[in-house]
Every structure is written in structure tokens, then in C-alpha cells.
C-alpha atoms as a PDB file:
ATOM      1  CA  UNK A   1     -14.798   2.008   8.636  1.00  0.00           C
ATOM      2  CA  UNK A   2     -13.292   1.091   5.287  1.00  0.00           C
ATOM      3  CA  UNK A   3     -15.278   0.481   2.126  1.00  0.00           C
ATOM      4  CA  UNK A   4     -16.112  -3.192   1.639  1.00  0.00           C
ATOM      5  CA  UNK A   5     -14.633  -5.342  -1.109  1.00  0.00           C
ATOM      6  CA  UNK A   6     -16.496  -7.826  -3.238  1.00  0.00           C
ATOM      7  CA  UNK A   7     -15.774 -11.529  -3.640  1.00  0.00           C
ATOM      8  CA  UNK A   8     -13.786 -11.026  -6.848  1.00  0.00           C
ATOM      9  CA  UNK A   9     -11.424  -8.530  -5.204  1.00  0.00           C
ATOM     10  CA  UNK A  10     -10.975 -10.779  -2.166  1.00  0.00           C
ATOM     11  CA  UNK A  11     -10.289 -13.799  -4.380  1.00  0.00           C
ATOM     12  CA  UNK A  12      -7.791 -11.833  -6.472  1.00  0.00           C
ATOM     13  CA  UNK A  13      -5.928 -10.679  -3.359  1.00  0.00           C
ATOM     14  CA  UNK A  14      -5.800 -14.239  -1.990  1.00  0.00           C
ATOM     15  CA  UNK A  15      -4.369 -15.461  -5.282  1.00  0.00           C
ATOM     16  CA  UNK A  16      -1.692 -12.763  -5.326  1.00  0.00           C
ATOM     17  CA  UNK A  17      -0.609 -13.568  -1.776  1.00  0.00           C
ATOM     18  CA  UNK A  18      -0.615 -17.327  -2.408  1.00  0.00           C
ATOM     19  CA  UNK A  19       1.553 -16.922  -5.512  1.00  0.00           C
ATOM     20  CA  UNK A  20       3.963 -14.610  -3.700  1.00  0.00           C
ATOM     21  CA  UNK A  21       4.702 -17.293  -1.113  1.00  0.00           C
ATOM     22  CA  UNK A  22       6.136 -19.558  -3.779  1.00  0.00           C
ATOM     23  CA  UNK A  23       7.968 -17.038  -5.961  1.00  0.00           C
ATOM     24  CA  UNK A  24      11.705 -17.339  -6.279  1.00  0.00           C
ATOM     25  CA  UNK A  25      13.702 -14.529  -4.759  1.00  0.00           C
ATOM     26  CA  UNK A  26      14.210 -11.608  -7.055  1.00  0.00           C
ATOM     27  CA  UNK A  27      17.353  -9.589  -7.482  1.00  0.00           C
ATOM     28  CA  UNK A  28      17.295  -6.876  -4.846  1.00  0.00           C
ATOM     29  CA  UNK A  29      17.831  -3.242  -5.705  1.00  0.00           C
ATOM     30  CA  UNK A  30      19.532  -0.744  -3.411  1.00  0.00           C
ATOM     31  CA  UNK A  31      17.561   1.107  -0.752  1.00  0.00           C
ATOM     32  CA  UNK A  32      18.073   4.370  -2.637  1.00  0.00           C
ATOM     33  CA  UNK A  33      16.704   2.882  -5.863  1.00  0.00           C
ATOM     34  CA  UNK A  34      13.753   1.333  -4.015  1.00  0.00           C
ATOM     35  CA  UNK A  35      12.943   4.640  -2.317  1.00  0.00           C
ATOM     36  CA  UNK A  36      13.126   6.562  -5.622  1.00  0.00           C
ATOM     37  CA  UNK A  37      10.834   4.016  -7.289  1.00  0.00           C
ATOM     38  CA  UNK A  38       8.361   4.154  -4.377  1.00  0.00           C
ATOM     39  CA  UNK A  39       8.248   7.964  -4.366  1.00  0.00           C
ATOM     40  CA  UNK A  40       7.733   8.083  -8.137  1.00  0.00           C
ATOM     41  CA  UNK A  41       4.909   5.531  -8.092  1.00  0.00           C
ATOM     42  CA  UNK A  42       3.314   7.010  -4.946  1.00  0.00           C
ATOM     43  CA  UNK A  43       3.177  10.451  -6.562  1.00  0.00           C
ATOM     44  CA  UNK A  44       1.032   8.980  -9.353  1.00  0.00           C
ATOM     45  CA  UNK A  45      -1.131   6.723  -7.169  1.00  0.00           C
ATOM     46  CA  UNK A  46      -1.936   9.153  -4.347  1.00  0.00           C
ATOM     47  CA  UNK A  47      -4.207  11.574  -6.294  1.00  0.00           C
ATOM     48  CA  UNK A  48      -6.158   8.709  -7.871  1.00  0.00           C
ATOM     49  CA  UNK A  49      -6.475   6.848  -4.578  1.00  0.00           C
ATOM     50  CA  UNK A  50      -7.721   9.965  -2.790  1.00  0.00           C
ATOM     51  CA  UNK A  51     -10.264  10.661  -5.527  1.00  0.00           C
ATOM     52  CA  UNK A  52     -11.517   7.061  -5.326  1.00  0.00           C
ATOM     53  CA  UNK A  53     -11.666   7.199  -1.528  1.00  0.00           C
ATOM     54  CA  UNK A  54     -13.655  10.433  -1.559  1.00  0.00           C
ATOM     55  CA  UNK A  55     -16.118   8.975  -4.067  1.00  0.00           C
ATOM     56  CA  UNK A  56     -16.525   5.781  -2.013  1.00  0.00           C
ATOM     57  CA  UNK A  57     -17.050   7.661   1.250  1.00  0.00           C
ATOM     58  CA  UNK A  58     -19.223  10.476  -0.085  1.00  0.00           C
ATOM     59  CA  UNK A  59     -21.737  11.437   2.568  1.00  0.00           C
ATOM     60  CA  UNK A  60     -19.351  10.630   5.430  1.00  0.00           C
ATOM     61  CA  UNK A  61     -18.121  14.143   6.123  1.00  0.00           C
ATOM     62  CA  UNK A  62     -15.622  13.161   8.822  1.00  0.00           C
ATOM     63  CA  UNK A  63     -13.886  10.473   6.741  1.00  0.00           C
ATOM     64  CA  UNK A  64     -10.222  11.337   6.068  1.00  0.00           C
ATOM     65  CA  UNK A  65      -9.231  10.405   2.501  1.00  0.00           C
ATOM     66  CA  UNK A  66      -5.805  12.039   2.754  1.00  0.00           C
ATOM     67  CA  UNK A  67      -3.873   8.767   3.039  1.00  0.00           C
ATOM     68  CA  UNK A  68      -0.130   9.046   3.603  1.00  0.00           C
ATOM     69  CA  UNK A  69       2.039   6.596   1.664  1.00  0.00           C
ATOM     70  CA  UNK A  70       5.253   5.874   3.544  1.00  0.00           C
ATOM     71  CA  UNK A  71       8.221   3.544   3.692  1.00  0.00           C
ATOM     72  CA  UNK A  72       8.819   1.564   6.878  1.00  0.00           C
ATOM     73  CA  UNK A  73      12.614   1.560   7.166  1.00  0.00           C
ATOM     74  CA  UNK A  74      12.636  -0.449  10.410  1.00  0.00           C
ATOM     75  CA  UNK A  75      10.851  -3.687   9.482  1.00  0.00           C
ATOM     76  CA  UNK A  76      12.994  -6.561   8.215  1.00  0.00           C
ATOM     77  CA  UNK A  77      10.226  -8.570   6.491  1.00  0.00           C
ATOM     78  CA  UNK A  78       8.491  -7.976   3.163  1.00  0.00           C
ATOM     79  CA  UNK A  79       5.139  -6.506   4.118  1.00  0.00           C
ATOM     80  CA  UNK A  80       2.672  -3.719   3.599  1.00  0.00           C
ATOM     81  CA  UNK A  81      -0.121  -2.554   5.857  1.00  0.00           C
ATOM     82  CA  UNK A  82      -2.830   0.021   6.337  1.00  0.00           C
ATOM     83  CA  UNK A  83      -2.922   1.648   9.756  1.00  0.00           C
ATOM     84  CA  UNK A  84      -4.113   4.741  11.576  1.00  0.00           C
ATOM     85  CA  UNK A  85      -1.672   6.836  13.572  1.00  0.00           C
ATOM     86  CA  UNK A  86      -3.218   9.641  15.605  1.00  0.00           C
ATOM     87  CA  UNK A  87      -6.385   9.243  13.526  1.00  0.00           C
ATOM     88  CA  UNK A  88      -4.601   9.648  10.189  1.00  0.00           C
ATOM     89  CA  UNK A  89      -4.674   6.829   7.594  1.00  0.00           C
ATOM     90  CA  UNK A  90      -1.271   5.557   6.475  1.00  0.00           C
ATOM     91  CA  UNK A  91      -0.208   2.875   4.014  1.00  0.00           C
ATOM     92  CA  UNK A  92       3.224   1.522   4.927  1.00  0.00           C
ATOM     93  CA  UNK A  93       5.444  -0.562   2.710  1.00  0.00           C
ATOM     94  CA  UNK A  94       8.575  -2.087   4.163  1.00  0.00           C
ATOM     95  CA  UNK A  95      11.947  -1.560   2.556  1.00  0.00           C
ATOM     96  CA  UNK A  96      12.441  -5.337   2.025  1.00  0.00           C
ATOM     97  CA  UNK A  97       9.292  -5.544  -0.124  1.00  0.00           C
ATOM     98  CA  UNK A  98      10.316  -2.476  -2.111  1.00  0.00           C
ATOM     99  CA  UNK A  99      13.822  -3.781  -2.685  1.00  0.00           C
ATOM    100  CA  UNK A 100      12.396  -7.040  -4.059  1.00  0.00           C
ATOM    101  CA  UNK A 101      10.172  -5.370  -6.630  1.00  0.00           C
END
């Protein structure tokens, strides 16, 4: 079970997604540049995200806060998702979304 979000967070996410649908295409960067950018940002986000997760799930001893951040090189659409593979939490970002950032 994931921590719940409040109405403000849900509204903010809806706004971001709605605006993204109507944005003009951005200049795409190379896959190598996108991967370097992702790895740099992920290295800064991961410790903070894990600390937040542990604080939010304190008291749930079996909860795994060691989330892997990975690039999905196979998808051809801009997307990101949170999934579990073999019980391990993973956040995937597709290469198309990274190349458009």
C-alpha cells in the first residue's frame, strides 16, 4: 500500500498532466544525453525519496523503501510509471519522455 495523497497534490498532478497534453513538442536530446541527465538527477533524488518513504511508512517493518529508478528503453511513448517487479518497487521513465525534457 502506498501513502495517500491529499487533494492539493492530486489537483496539482492533474494540472501538470493536462498542460502536458497541449504543450508544443520540445527539441529532443540524444539518448546518451537523456540517460546522463536521468542518472545525474536520480542520484540526487533517490536518497531524499527513500528518506521520505521511510518516514511515511514508519511502523510498517516490511515496507521496502529502496525504490529503483530506471529507464525503460523499450517503450516508444512518453510515460513514467511506478510498478513492482518481484516485490521490489521501481519507478520507470521511458526514453521518449527523457529525450523531450
